[in-house]
């Protein structure tokens, strides 16, 4: 039986064609009003790039008049299209109770080279004693809110950015056969020796593995699973799914619930999560965090967990599977208690998902367990102390972390200062790479740590330590769910500058190697 034949997910978000059709009609009725309202807000908020382009030109003098006329026009259009939107909403809202909390796109390659690569992927990872396989994961917050809202983060033109993000990722992945050895540049003088527990026997010694942080102007060419956050806009999500589908083959998008038993209140936006995998998705589950507060409560932020089919062990007639989860936690500062509660829920939901999907030991081997996403706290700010000490870091390992509140010397902050997104030092992948590698520049363009409330001014960094900045994006890997015969080792960790000028976050990539241990038995 092939990997594709073992898939269990249906592609439609609805169980019937009638419900799917009604959902499409309802959204068509809502879209005109939604678009006009979005353009109204976007016309009132300019990005720093747009302001700099107007400065010194005649357009700067005409801009107030353009904004006034445009605002009046879109107000009239919003009022005109509102009745249709209300009708569409009355049809759309009841359908959410029967909608699965994600759309799934299964797509075949669109070119001969991609077809050849897909055949290689479908053969899967063959489990053999003493053999190893490498898996590459990446995560990125792309801030694809509706255009009017994205501008409050100094990022405009959501649809253009979505298309550009898709093109850049595709360019990196399509180029996997033509990658040059100098595409990934090692951080100078920043090696670290990392303790990695590569088995489950506490009586055996940990394996000493040297891991270094790299900065790359492109995503890894051999990327296996990609998770994006803040793909809130439905049209942007469809653009990305269409672009990534032929490359990865399996995409989960428009993830989230807007109403129903799993929601504490009605949501205006979905979770913003998007998952693209080169491996077939056997099962997936989404949970919405019920404790959002303030503006964050308007979005269905939560946890998406997936089980993917990686390959087979021909000798034991087992299949190899992996677990991959991605999350986006509560954002407002000072709400560490809420984030800790969400980490508690995420850990429990992951355990439940894995328990529900667990097969007998003689049927499958679990070769990796990865958790990633935008967790909205860092490991250097005193303000985020409770999150830094959370138990999730006992279940999952963070390659960038030396301990609570202490980063590895090669770790880098992943949150950029929004007002400086379009300066020369950060506008292109190459210029952003150089900025991240230069400590003096990082201090200017990466967000600094935050002191705890009521504490003295923060002294950062400690003497002799490099300036890192706020790293709020994570890729973690677990050991407890991985089969005893599989030894996991971190081969590399990459900070990716390819989305420079398109988002205010630095994407991350993790390279894991799984070795089948011939000294372990199935007993």
Foldseek 3Di string as FASTA:
>chain_A
DWQVVLADDDQFQFPDPVLVVLQVQLCVLQVQLVVLVLVLLLLVFAFLVVVVVCPPHPVVVCSVVVNVVSNVVSVVSNVVSVVSNVVSCVSNVVSLQRTHQWGKDFDAADDPVLNVVLVVQRQFDADDAQDKDKAKEWEEEQQLDRQSVSVVLSFHDSQVLLLVVLVQQCVLQVCQVPDDPPQKAFQPPAKDWDFDQFFDDPVDGTDTDIEGEIAGQGDHNRHFKYKYANSFDPVSQVSNCVSLCNNQRMKIDSGAGQDDDLELHGAPTEQRMMMGGNFRWRDKHWGFQHDADDPRSNYRWTKMKTKGWGHAHVVLGATEIEIEMEGAAHADAPVLVRLLVRVVVRVVVVVVVCVVPDDDLSHYFYAWYKYWYQSNFFQAAQQNQVVLPHCVCVQWPFPQAPGRNGGRLNAAAWFWDSSCLCPPCQAASVSVSVLRSDQVSSVVTAAAHHYHPPDPDDDPDDPPGGGHHGHRITMIIGDPSGDRQKTKDWPYKYFHSNSRNRRRTTMIMTMMMIHGHPVDDSD
